[in-house]
Amino acid sequence: MDFSTALCKLIDYASRELALKKRDEIYARNTVLMLLGRENCEKRCACYEGEPLSELLGVLTAELPEEDRERVQDAVMGALMLPPSEVEETFATLYARSPARATEWLYRYSVASNYVKKDLLAQNPRFTGKNGLVITINRAKPEFRDPKKAVSGNSVKGGYPSCSICRDNEGYFPRGKRTLRTVSFTLGDGKWFWQFSPYGYFYQHGIAVNERHIPMHVGEETFAALLEFVDAFPHYFIGCNAPLPNIGGSVLAHDHFQGGGETLPMFGAKIALPLCHEDFPQLEIGVLDWYGTVVRIEGEDARAVVAASEKVRRLWAGYRDEKRGLIPEDGNGVHHAVSPTVFMKGERYCMNLILRSNIASERYPDGVFHAHPEFHIIKKESIGLIEAQGLFILPGRLVGQLAELKEALSAGKLPPSLGEFRMLFDEMSAMEGDPEERIREELASVCERILKNTAVFATHAETAEFLRGAGFSPRA
């Protein structure tokens, strides 16, 4: 395919998939030529016939330096899209009919523009373990084994945009955001916006971002905002990372939530120990039957759910038990916070409060309640909100390493190059089944053990005893 044919096909694609108007096609073509440093092309009647978008863009940018191609391709697609105002208007029109219809349109539009890299995401290995945990390997996401590098990767040294999720990124060429489109909504008295994640971890993975560039925090107003969000988008779940370094949130400088259209494994967990509180007789409360330490608060009364959640948060924020290594604050800062997450059960709000601690020790310098060192070959990165709910995102390097492990299992011998996998290899060697089945079973088992590492209380009973400090007691 030559340059002119690829350009004609791309213009036709934009008219079909990106709502490019017939009257704007000439202007769009000339804009693309300008972005590619071209002065002319042959006008042809070449229709889009389902070719991969990457193929068309590859032809158009073939003569550019390789390091420039991705950003220029992003700029080309941005030139063919609706401007942010028209995206906002279309979203609002569809939202008036159905919130789910509006988010589905925006998601499909983000895929069509190549902002959401759906083709790459589809290549990521994914399976559900026998323990119910979902395991994915994200080939597109770089591995940050050092949390400080993860944070620096989301900062902006020049001061504009202030960080990687500020709304000033919409259309910002240096960060490859020409195709980013966001939509506005309000939570309480604040202005927020929604955008989808380009390398989403799950279906319609998106970010709700406060328009004000203020630090991440979790408090009573956070719980109220989360409930407001699911009022507006009842088909989505929403939550946020605990505002602590090394716990999962890599953009702690900017207040934001994460959510989307996936049913995560934790949502199906039941209450293991039912509790009650005299102030909230209308709520169902309890310690969740989960690998981490989670308190569930469920009911139709939003104010009661918020107030009960705040009682738990306040208790945990100041809780000290040095025998268990639970220290809320020291010379290194605050160590206790909650990761709240909400979804709807019919007309009932279902709030899950995940108790998190980032305290470190000489034995566990990366965190006492972090993945322990024997599991770092599988996952050393922070265990964030999504993984704490049972969907694990493992590093892309494992694709090749697991292929080698599969051969090693078949041969019955671990090569020196895979020495870091010795413990896992020995465990898999004791299993039954073919190598592929054993590898999947082992990965699910490791992820389960990592979640147990994050639990701040060893048993449900210990969690219930802790909650007595805020007036919660076993339900008779």
Protein backbone atom coordinates (compact mmCIF):
# COMPACT_ATOMS: atom_id res chain seq x y z
CA MET A 1 0.00 0.00 0.00
CA ASP A 2 1.42 3.41 -0.93
CA PHE A 3 1.19 6.67 1.01
CA SER A 4 -1.72 8.23 -0.91
CA THR A 5 -3.85 5.08 -0.68
CA ALA A 6 -3.22 4.79 3.05
CA LEU A 7 -4.18 8.44 3.58
CA CYS A 8 -7.42 8.10 1.57
CA LYS A 9 -8.35 4.97 3.52
CA LEU A 10 -7.62 6.72 6.82
CA ILE A 11 -9.83 9.69 5.88
CA ASP A 12 -12.63 7.26 5.00
CA TYR A 13 -12.09 5.46 8.32
CA ALA A 14 -12.40 8.76 10.18
CA SER A 15 -15.66 9.58 8.42
CA ARG A 16 -17.12 6.21 9.44
CA GLU A 17 -15.70 5.76 12.95
CA LEU A 18 -14.73 9.21 14.24
CA ALA A 19 -17.64 11.33 12.94
CA LEU A 20 -15.42 13.35 10.58
CA LYS A 21 -17.81 15.48 8.54
CA LYS A 22 -17.72 15.42 4.74
CA ARG A 23 -17.19 19.18 4.67
CA ASP A 24 -14.09 18.81 6.88
CA GLU A 25 -12.34 16.05 4.90
CA ILE A 26 -10.18 18.37 2.76
CA TYR A 27 -9.04 20.34 5.81
CA ALA A 28 -8.33 17.11 7.70
CA ARG A 29 -6.30 15.69 4.81
CA ASN A 30 -4.19 18.84 4.60
CA THR A 31 -3.67 18.86 8.35
CA VAL A 32 -2.39 15.28 8.21
CA LEU A 33 -0.02 16.21 5.37
CA MET A 34 1.31 19.08 7.46
CA LEU A 35 1.88 16.79 10.48
CA LEU A 36 3.78 14.33 8.28
CA GLY A 37 5.91 17.02 6.62
CA ARG A 38 4.38 16.36 3.19
CA GLU A 39 3.25 18.92 0.65
CA ASN A 40 1.15 16.75 -1.68
CA CYS A 41 -0.53 13.44 -2.28
CA GLU A 42 -2.63 11.83 -4.98
CA LYS A 43 -6.38 12.03 -4.46
CA ARG A 44 -7.81 8.56 -4.81
CA CYS A 45 -11.13 6.86 -4.16
CA ALA A 46 -9.76 4.27 -1.78
CA CYS A 47 -12.25 3.08 0.82
CA TYR A 48 -11.38 1.69 4.23
CA GLU A 49 -11.74 -2.11 4.09
CA GLY A 50 -11.05 -3.16 7.65
CA GLU A 51 -7.28 -2.88 7.59
CA PRO A 52 -5.65 -2.62 11.01
CA LEU A 53 -5.29 1.03 11.95
CA SER A 54 -1.68 0.33 12.83
CA GLU A 55 -1.05 -0.72 9.23
CA LEU A 56 -2.38 2.53 7.77
CA LEU A 57 -0.52 4.66 10.30
CA GLY A 58 2.63 2.65 9.73
CA VAL A 59 2.56 3.41 6.00
CA LEU A 60 1.99 7.12 6.62
CA THR A 61 4.88 7.45 9.08
CA ALA A 62 7.31 4.99 7.49
CA GLU A 63 9.76 7.72 6.46
CA LEU A 64 9.87 9.37 9.88
CA PRO A 65 12.55 8.57 12.48
CA GLU A 66 11.41 5.58 14.49
CA GLU A 67 11.46 7.49 17.77
CA ASP A 68 8.97 10.05 16.37
CA ARG A 69 6.43 7.70 14.83
CA GLU A 70 4.21 6.93 17.82
CA ARG A 71 3.66 10.57 18.77
CA VAL A 72 3.08 11.66 15.16
CA GLN A 73 0.58 8.83 14.67
CA ASP A 74 -1.21 10.04 17.78
CA ALA A 75 -1.23 13.60 16.37
CA VAL A 76 -2.61 12.36 13.04
CA MET A 77 -5.51 10.58 14.74
CA GLY A 78 -6.15 13.61 16.95
CA ALA A 79 -6.55 15.75 13.83
CA LEU A 80 -9.29 13.44 12.54
CA MET A 81 -11.35 13.37 15.74
CA LEU A 82 -14.16 15.49 17.10
CA PRO A 83 -12.87 18.37 19.23
CA PRO A 84 -13.34 17.99 23.00
CA SER A 85 -16.42 20.26 23.04
CA GLU A 86 -18.29 18.06 20.54
CA VAL A 87 -17.29 14.89 22.37
CA GLU A 88 -18.65 16.47 25.55
CA GLU A 89 -21.92 17.44 23.82
CA THR A 90 -22.43 13.97 22.32
CA PHE A 91 -21.73 12.33 25.67
CA ALA A 92 -24.22 14.61 27.44
CA THR A 93 -26.93 13.88 24.86
CA LEU A 94 -26.44 10.14 25.23
CA TYR A 95 -26.20 10.37 29.03
CA ALA A 96 -29.67 11.95 29.14
CA ARG A 97 -30.96 8.71 27.62
CA SER A 98 -28.72 6.26 29.49
CA PRO A 99 -25.46 6.61 31.48
CA ALA A 100 -24.33 3.19 30.22
CA ARG A 101 -25.01 4.20 26.62
CA ALA A 102 -22.93 7.35 27.06
CA THR A 103 -19.90 5.59 28.55
CA GLU A 104 -20.12 2.81 25.95
CA TRP A 105 -20.04 5.43 23.15
CA LEU A 106 -17.06 7.24 24.67
CA TYR A 107 -15.20 3.98 25.16
CA ARG A 108 -15.80 2.87 21.58
CA TYR A 109 -14.77 6.30 20.34
CA SER A 110 -11.55 6.12 22.41
CA VAL A 111 -10.82 2.70 20.87
CA ALA A 112 -11.59 3.94 17.37
CA SER A 113 -9.21 6.88 17.80
CA ASN A 114 -6.47 4.48 18.95
CA TYR A 115 -6.24 6.18 22.35
CA VAL A 116 -7.33 2.97 24.08
CA LYS A 117 -4.92 0.36 22.73
CA LYS A 118 -7.48 -2.42 22.55
CA ASP A 119 -5.53 -4.49 20.03
CA LEU A 120 -2.52 -4.54 22.34
CA LEU A 121 -4.69 -5.25 25.38
CA ALA A 122 -6.24 -8.24 23.62
CA GLN A 123 -2.77 -9.78 23.34
CA ASN A 124 -2.23 -9.77 27.11
CA PRO A 125 -2.45 -13.28 28.61
CA ARG A 126 -5.34 -13.57 31.07
CA PHE A 127 -6.92 -16.39 33.05
CA THR A 128 -8.98 -17.02 36.20
CA GLY A 129 -7.38 -19.24 38.82
CA LYS A 130 -9.14 -21.95 40.78
CA ASN A 131 -9.11 -19.57 43.76
CA GLY A 132 -11.14 -17.01 41.78
CA LEU A 133 -8.30 -14.52 41.28
CA VAL A 134 -7.86 -13.09 37.80
CA ILE A 135 -4.28 -13.05 36.52
CA THR A 136 -3.14 -10.88 33.61
CA ILE A 137 0.24 -10.14 32.10
CA ASN A 138 0.40 -6.61 30.72
CA ARG A 139 2.92 -6.53 27.87
CA ALA A 140 2.40 -2.82 27.20
CA LYS A 141 2.95 -1.55 30.74
CA PRO A 142 6.57 -0.98 31.83
CA GLU A 143 7.59 -2.69 35.06
CA PHE A 144 8.48 -0.32 37.90
CA ARG A 145 10.17 -2.46 40.55
CA ASP A 146 11.24 0.75 42.29
CA PRO A 147 8.16 2.72 43.50
CA LYS A 148 10.12 5.98 43.23
CA LYS A 149 10.55 5.39 39.49
CA ALA A 150 6.81 4.77 39.14
CA VAL A 151 6.11 8.13 40.76
CA SER A 152 8.70 9.95 38.67
CA GLY A 153 7.24 8.42 35.53
CA ASN A 154 3.98 10.25 36.25
CA SER A 155 5.49 13.62 37.17
CA VAL A 156 6.16 16.51 34.82
CA LYS A 157 9.38 18.41 35.37
CA GLY A 158 8.48 21.50 33.37
CA GLY A 159 5.41 22.36 35.41
CA TYR A 160 2.98 22.03 32.49
CA PRO A 161 0.90 19.95 32.65
CA SER A 162 1.34 19.65 36.40
CA CYS A 163 1.15 15.84 36.25
CA SER A 164 0.25 13.02 33.90
CA ILE A 165 -3.49 13.08 34.67
CA CYS A 166 -4.22 16.84 34.78
CA ARG A 167 -6.82 17.96 32.25
CA ASP A 168 -4.16 20.11 30.60
CA ASN A 169 -2.96 16.85 29.02
CA GLU A 170 -5.97 16.80 26.68
CA GLY A 171 -4.41 17.25 23.25
CA TYR A 172 -0.87 17.77 24.61
CA PHE A 173 1.54 16.57 21.91
CA PRO A 174 4.76 16.06 23.96
CA ARG A 175 3.03 13.38 26.07
CA GLY A 176 1.24 11.73 23.13
CA LYS A 177 -2.21 12.92 24.23
CA ARG A 178 -3.60 14.35 20.97
CA THR A 179 -6.29 11.65 21.00
CA LEU A 180 -7.24 12.07 24.66
CA ARG A 181 -10.85 13.17 25.15
CA THR A 182 -12.46 13.73 28.55
CA VAL A 183 -15.98 14.45 29.78
CA SER A 184 -17.08 16.60 32.72
CA PHE A 185 -19.28 15.89 35.73
CA THR A 186 -19.65 17.16 39.28
CA LEU A 187 -19.18 15.47 42.63
CA GLY A 188 -20.45 17.54 45.55
CA ASP A 189 -19.39 21.10 44.86
CA GLY A 190 -16.36 20.05 42.81
CA LYS A 191 -15.73 19.73 39.10
CA TRP A 192 -14.37 16.40 37.90
CA PHE A 193 -13.74 14.70 34.56
CA TRP A 194 -13.59 11.14 33.27
CA GLN A 195 -11.10 9.62 30.87
CA PHE A 196 -10.33 6.06 29.85
CA SER A 197 -6.95 4.49 30.48
CA PRO A 198 -5.02 3.82 27.24
CA TYR A 199 -3.61 0.55 28.62
CA GLY A 200 -6.62 -0.47 30.67
CA TYR A 201 -6.29 -3.31 33.15
CA PHE A 202 -9.92 -4.37 32.61
CA TYR A 203 -13.04 -3.56 30.60
CA GLN A 204 -13.64 0.19 30.32
CA HIS A 205 -10.95 0.96 32.87
CA GLY A 206 -11.11 4.69 33.48
CA ILE A 207 -10.04 7.46 35.81
CA ALA A 208 -12.23 10.07 37.48
CA VAL A 209 -10.02 13.12 38.07
CA ASN A 210 -10.55 16.19 40.21
CA GLU A 211 -10.13 19.29 38.02
CA ARG A 212 -8.18 20.86 40.87
CA HIS A 213 -4.60 19.65 41.15
CA ILE A 214 -4.72 18.75 44.84
CA PRO A 215 -3.09 15.77 46.61
CA MET A 216 -4.77 12.40 46.99
CA HIS A 217 -6.67 12.08 50.24
CA VAL A 218 -9.35 9.85 51.73
CA GLY A 219 -11.90 11.18 54.18
CA GLU A 220 -15.61 11.56 54.74
CA GLU A 221 -15.98 13.74 51.64
CA THR A 222 -14.22 11.01 49.60
CA PHE A 223 -16.77 8.40 50.64
CA ALA A 224 -19.61 10.79 49.76
CA ALA A 225 -18.06 11.50 46.36
CA LEU A 226 -17.70 7.79 45.57
CA LEU A 227 -21.37 7.20 46.33
CA GLU A 228 -22.31 10.18 44.17
CA PHE A 229 -20.30 8.69 41.34
CA VAL A 230 -22.17 5.38 41.39
CA ASP A 231 -25.44 7.33 41.59
CA ALA A 232 -24.43 8.93 38.30
CA PHE A 233 -22.89 5.78 36.77
CA PRO A 234 -24.55 2.82 38.49
CA HIS A 235 -23.11 0.35 35.96
CA TYR A 236 -19.55 1.15 37.09
CA PHE A 237 -17.58 0.48 40.23
CA ILE A 238 -15.33 3.25 41.59
CA GLY A 239 -12.59 3.42 44.19
CA CYS A 240 -9.26 4.95 45.04
CA ASN A 241 -5.86 3.93 46.32
CA ALA A 242 -4.87 4.69 49.87
CA PRO A 243 -2.98 8.01 49.79
CA LEU A 244 0.30 6.42 50.86
CA PRO A 245 3.61 5.93 49.03
CA ASN A 246 4.44 2.34 47.97
CA ILE A 247 0.83 1.13 48.27
CA GLY A 248 -0.19 1.43 44.64
CA GLY A 249 -1.00 5.03 43.87
CA SER A 250 1.72 6.44 41.61
CA VAL A 251 0.03 9.85 41.13
CA LEU A 252 -0.39 10.86 44.76
CA ALA A 253 -0.08 14.55 43.84
CA HIS A 254 -3.48 14.65 42.10
CA ASP A 255 -6.81 13.59 43.60
CA HIS A 256 -8.43 10.88 41.46
CA PHE A 257 -10.44 7.67 41.49
CA GLN A 258 -10.32 4.50 39.36
CA GLY A 259 -13.21 2.43 38.10
CA GLY A 260 -14.96 0.88 35.15
CA GLY A 261 -17.20 -1.85 33.87
CA GLU A 262 -15.56 -4.99 35.23
CA THR A 263 -16.88 -7.20 38.02
CA LEU A 264 -13.76 -7.78 40.12
CA PRO A 265 -13.28 -10.98 42.15
CA MET A 266 -13.69 -9.27 45.53
CA PHE A 267 -17.21 -8.13 44.62
CA GLY A 268 -18.44 -11.70 44.97
CA ALA A 269 -16.92 -12.24 48.41
CA LYS A 270 -19.35 -12.67 51.30
CA ILE A 271 -19.25 -11.31 54.83
CA ALA A 272 -17.40 -13.76 57.08
CA LEU A 273 -18.19 -12.11 60.42
CA PRO A 274 -21.38 -10.00 60.57
CA LEU A 275 -21.16 -6.91 62.77
CA CYS A 276 -23.56 -4.25 63.97
CA HIS A 277 -23.41 -0.70 65.28
CA GLU A 278 -26.09 1.00 67.35
CA ASP A 279 -25.86 4.15 65.20
CA PHE A 280 -26.47 2.24 61.95
CA PRO A 281 -29.20 -0.39 62.44
CA GLN A 282 -30.17 -0.06 58.75
CA LEU A 283 -26.78 -1.18 57.45
CA GLU A 284 -25.29 -4.60 56.82
CA ILE A 285 -21.71 -4.50 58.13
CA GLY A 286 -19.04 -7.12 58.49
CA VAL A 287 -15.53 -8.44 57.96
CA LEU A 288 -15.22 -9.66 54.40
CA ASP A 289 -14.20 -13.23 53.59
CA TRP A 290 -11.17 -12.09 51.61
CA TYR A 291 -7.40 -12.54 51.53
CA GLY A 292 -6.64 -8.95 52.54
CA THR A 293 -8.23 -7.09 55.46
CA VAL A 294 -11.54 -5.65 54.26
CA VAL A 295 -14.60 -4.21 55.99
CA ARG A 296 -17.86 -4.19 54.02
CA ILE A 297 -20.63 -1.66 54.67
CA GLU A 298 -23.83 -2.09 52.70
CA GLY A 299 -27.16 -0.30 52.59
CA GLU A 300 -29.50 2.10 50.81
CA ASP A 301 -28.90 5.06 53.13
CA ALA A 302 -25.96 6.96 51.59
CA ARG A 303 -25.41 9.19 54.62
CA ALA A 304 -25.25 6.20 56.95
CA VAL A 305 -22.80 4.36 54.66
CA VAL A 306 -20.56 7.45 54.60
CA ALA A 307 -20.72 7.96 58.39
CA ALA A 308 -19.99 4.30 59.16
CA SER A 309 -17.10 4.29 56.69
CA GLU A 310 -15.62 7.36 58.36
CA LYS A 311 -15.73 5.64 61.75
CA VAL A 312 -13.66 2.77 60.37
CA ARG A 313 -11.23 5.12 58.63
CA ARG A 314 -10.66 7.24 61.73
CA LEU A 315 -10.09 4.19 63.90
CA TRP A 316 -7.56 2.69 61.49
CA ALA A 317 -5.79 6.02 60.90
CA GLY A 318 -4.80 6.20 64.57
CA TYR A 319 -4.57 2.49 65.44
CA ARG A 320 -1.33 1.34 67.08
CA ASP A 321 -0.36 -2.24 67.89
CA GLU A 322 3.41 -2.56 67.97
CA LYS A 323 3.27 -6.33 68.59
CA ARG A 324 1.68 -6.70 65.17
CA GLY A 325 3.95 -4.04 63.67
CA LEU A 326 1.04 -1.66 63.18
CA ILE A 327 2.36 1.88 63.63
CA PRO A 328 0.12 4.64 62.25
CA GLU A 329 2.76 7.35 62.12
CA ASP A 330 6.45 7.86 62.85
CA GLY A 331 9.37 9.96 61.69
CA ASN A 332 8.92 8.59 58.16
CA GLY A 333 5.34 9.85 57.92
CA VAL A 334 1.82 8.43 58.02
CA HIS A 335 1.50 4.66 57.48
CA HIS A 336 -2.21 3.83 57.83
CA ALA A 337 -4.99 4.62 55.35
CA VAL A 338 -7.90 2.89 53.65
CA SER A 339 -8.57 2.10 50.01
CA PRO A 340 -12.34 2.51 49.54
CA THR A 341 -14.23 1.00 46.62
CA VAL A 342 -17.96 1.06 45.83
CA PHE A 343 -20.37 -0.75 43.55
CA MET A 344 -24.14 -1.01 43.42
CA LYS A 345 -26.19 -4.07 44.43
CA GLY A 346 -29.54 -3.12 42.98
CA GLU A 347 -30.55 -0.10 45.07
CA ARG A 348 -27.93 -0.76 47.75
CA TYR A 349 -24.48 0.81 47.99
CA CYS A 350 -21.74 -1.72 48.65
CA MET A 351 -18.71 -0.02 50.22
CA ASN A 352 -15.54 -2.03 50.75
CA LEU A 353 -12.82 -0.52 52.94
CA ILE A 354 -9.43 -2.16 52.44
CA LEU A 355 -7.13 -1.46 55.39
CA ARG A 356 -3.61 -0.66 54.14
CA SER A 357 -0.25 -0.06 55.81
CA ASN A 358 3.04 0.87 54.16
CA ILE A 359 5.19 0.43 57.26
CA ALA A 360 8.60 -1.07 56.48
CA SER A 361 11.11 -2.95 58.63
CA GLU A 362 14.68 -4.20 58.46
CA ARG A 363 13.37 -7.62 57.43
CA TYR A 364 10.90 -6.17 54.92
CA PRO A 365 12.41 -2.93 53.57
CA ASP A 366 9.83 -2.81 50.75
CA GLY A 367 6.96 -3.07 53.24
CA VAL A 368 5.83 -5.43 55.96
CA PHE A 369 2.37 -5.67 54.32
CA HIS A 370 3.71 -5.84 50.77
CA ALA A 371 4.54 -8.86 48.61
CA HIS A 372 7.25 -10.70 50.53
CA PRO A 373 10.68 -11.13 48.89
CA GLU A 374 10.17 -14.74 47.83
CA PHE A 375 7.41 -13.55 45.51
CA HIS A 376 9.23 -10.58 43.96
CA ILE A 377 10.22 -12.61 40.90
CA ILE A 378 6.49 -12.60 40.07
CA LYS A 379 5.44 -9.24 41.50
CA LYS A 380 7.57 -6.64 43.23
CA GLU A 381 5.55 -3.58 42.24
CA SER A 382 3.10 -2.03 44.68
CA ILE A 383 -0.18 -3.86 45.24
CA GLY A 384 -2.74 -1.24 44.31
CA LEU A 385 -6.49 -0.90 44.40
CA ILE A 386 -7.21 -3.22 41.46
CA GLU A 387 -4.96 -6.05 42.64
CA ALA A 388 -6.23 -5.72 46.20
CA GLN A 389 -9.63 -6.61 44.72
CA GLY A 390 -8.31 -9.75 43.03
CA LEU A 391 -7.21 -8.71 39.53
CA PHE A 392 -3.44 -9.02 39.26
CA ILE A 393 -1.39 -7.18 36.65
CA LEU A 394 1.92 -8.98 36.24
CA PRO A 395 4.95 -7.65 34.31
CA GLY A 396 5.42 -8.37 30.61
CA ARG A 397 8.85 -9.99 31.14
CA LEU A 398 7.01 -13.03 32.52
CA VAL A 399 5.77 -14.00 29.05
CA GLY A 400 9.25 -15.12 28.04
CA GLN A 401 10.27 -16.37 31.47
CA LEU A 402 7.17 -18.54 31.85
CA ALA A 403 7.75 -20.02 28.41
CA GLU A 404 11.21 -21.07 29.59
CA LEU A 405 9.75 -22.43 32.81
CA LYS A 406 7.30 -24.50 30.80
CA GLU A 407 10.20 -26.12 28.96
CA ALA A 408 12.06 -26.63 32.23
CA LEU A 409 9.06 -28.40 33.77
CA SER A 410 8.82 -30.69 30.75
CA ALA A 411 12.52 -31.47 31.05
CA GLY A 412 12.35 -31.85 34.83
CA LYS A 413 15.34 -29.57 35.37
CA LEU A 414 15.66 -25.86 36.15
CA PRO A 415 18.43 -24.09 34.18
CA PRO A 416 20.77 -21.69 36.05
CA SER A 417 19.30 -18.74 34.10
CA LEU A 418 16.00 -19.29 35.96
CA GLY A 419 17.54 -19.70 39.39
CA GLU A 420 15.27 -17.02 40.91
CA PHE A 421 12.30 -19.30 40.21
CA ARG A 422 13.67 -22.20 42.30
CA MET A 423 10.97 -22.11 45.01
CA LEU A 424 8.18 -21.84 42.43
CA PHE A 425 9.72 -24.56 40.25
CA ASP A 426 9.90 -26.95 43.19
CA GLU A 427 6.26 -26.26 44.05
CA MET A 428 5.16 -26.81 40.45
CA SER A 429 7.21 -29.98 40.18
CA ALA A 430 5.14 -31.44 43.02
CA MET A 431 1.87 -30.66 41.22
CA GLU A 432 -0.08 -32.82 38.81
CA GLY A 433 -1.17 -31.79 35.33
CA ASP A 434 0.60 -30.51 32.24
CA PRO A 435 3.17 -27.69 32.55
CA GLU A 436 0.72 -25.01 31.40
CA GLU A 437 -1.83 -26.01 34.04
CA ARG A 438 0.82 -26.10 36.76
CA ILE A 439 2.14 -22.67 35.84
CA ARG A 440 -1.35 -21.16 36.00
CA GLU A 441 -2.08 -22.86 39.32
CA GLU A 442 1.22 -21.60 40.74
CA LEU A 443 0.67 -18.01 39.56
CA ALA A 444 -2.79 -17.95 41.14
CA SER A 445 -1.36 -19.39 44.35
CA VAL A 446 1.45 -16.82 44.48
CA CYS A 447 -1.02 -13.98 43.95
CA GLU A 448 -3.22 -15.34 46.73
CA ARG A 449 -0.24 -15.44 49.07
CA ILE A 450 0.73 -11.89 48.09
CA LEU A 451 -2.77 -10.68 49.01
CA LYS A 452 -2.42 -12.46 52.35
CA ASN A 453 0.90 -10.62 52.83
CA THR A 454 -1.02 -7.34 52.54
CA ALA A 455 -3.51 -8.30 55.27
CA VAL A 456 -2.93 -6.12 58.34
CA PHE A 457 -4.78 -8.62 60.57
CA ALA A 458 -4.12 -12.33 60.32
CA THR A 459 -7.70 -13.47 61.00
CA HIS A 460 -11.26 -12.23 60.62
CA ALA A 461 -11.64 -12.42 64.38
CA GLU A 462 -8.70 -10.06 64.90
CA THR A 463 -10.26 -7.60 62.45
CA ALA A 464 -13.58 -7.76 64.31
CA GLU A 465 -11.80 -7.18 67.62
CA PHE A 466 -10.09 -4.11 66.14
CA LEU A 467 -13.46 -2.73 65.03
CA ARG A 468 -14.79 -2.83 68.58
CA GLY A 469 -12.76 0.34 69.07
CA ALA A 470 -15.25 2.22 66.87
CA GLY A 471 -18.37 0.69 68.44
CA PHE A 472 -18.83 -2.26 66.05
CA SER A 473 -19.72 -5.55 67.71
CA PRO A 474 -20.61 -9.09 66.56
CA ARG A 475 -24.17 -9.34 65.32
CA ALA A 476 -26.28 -11.58 67.55
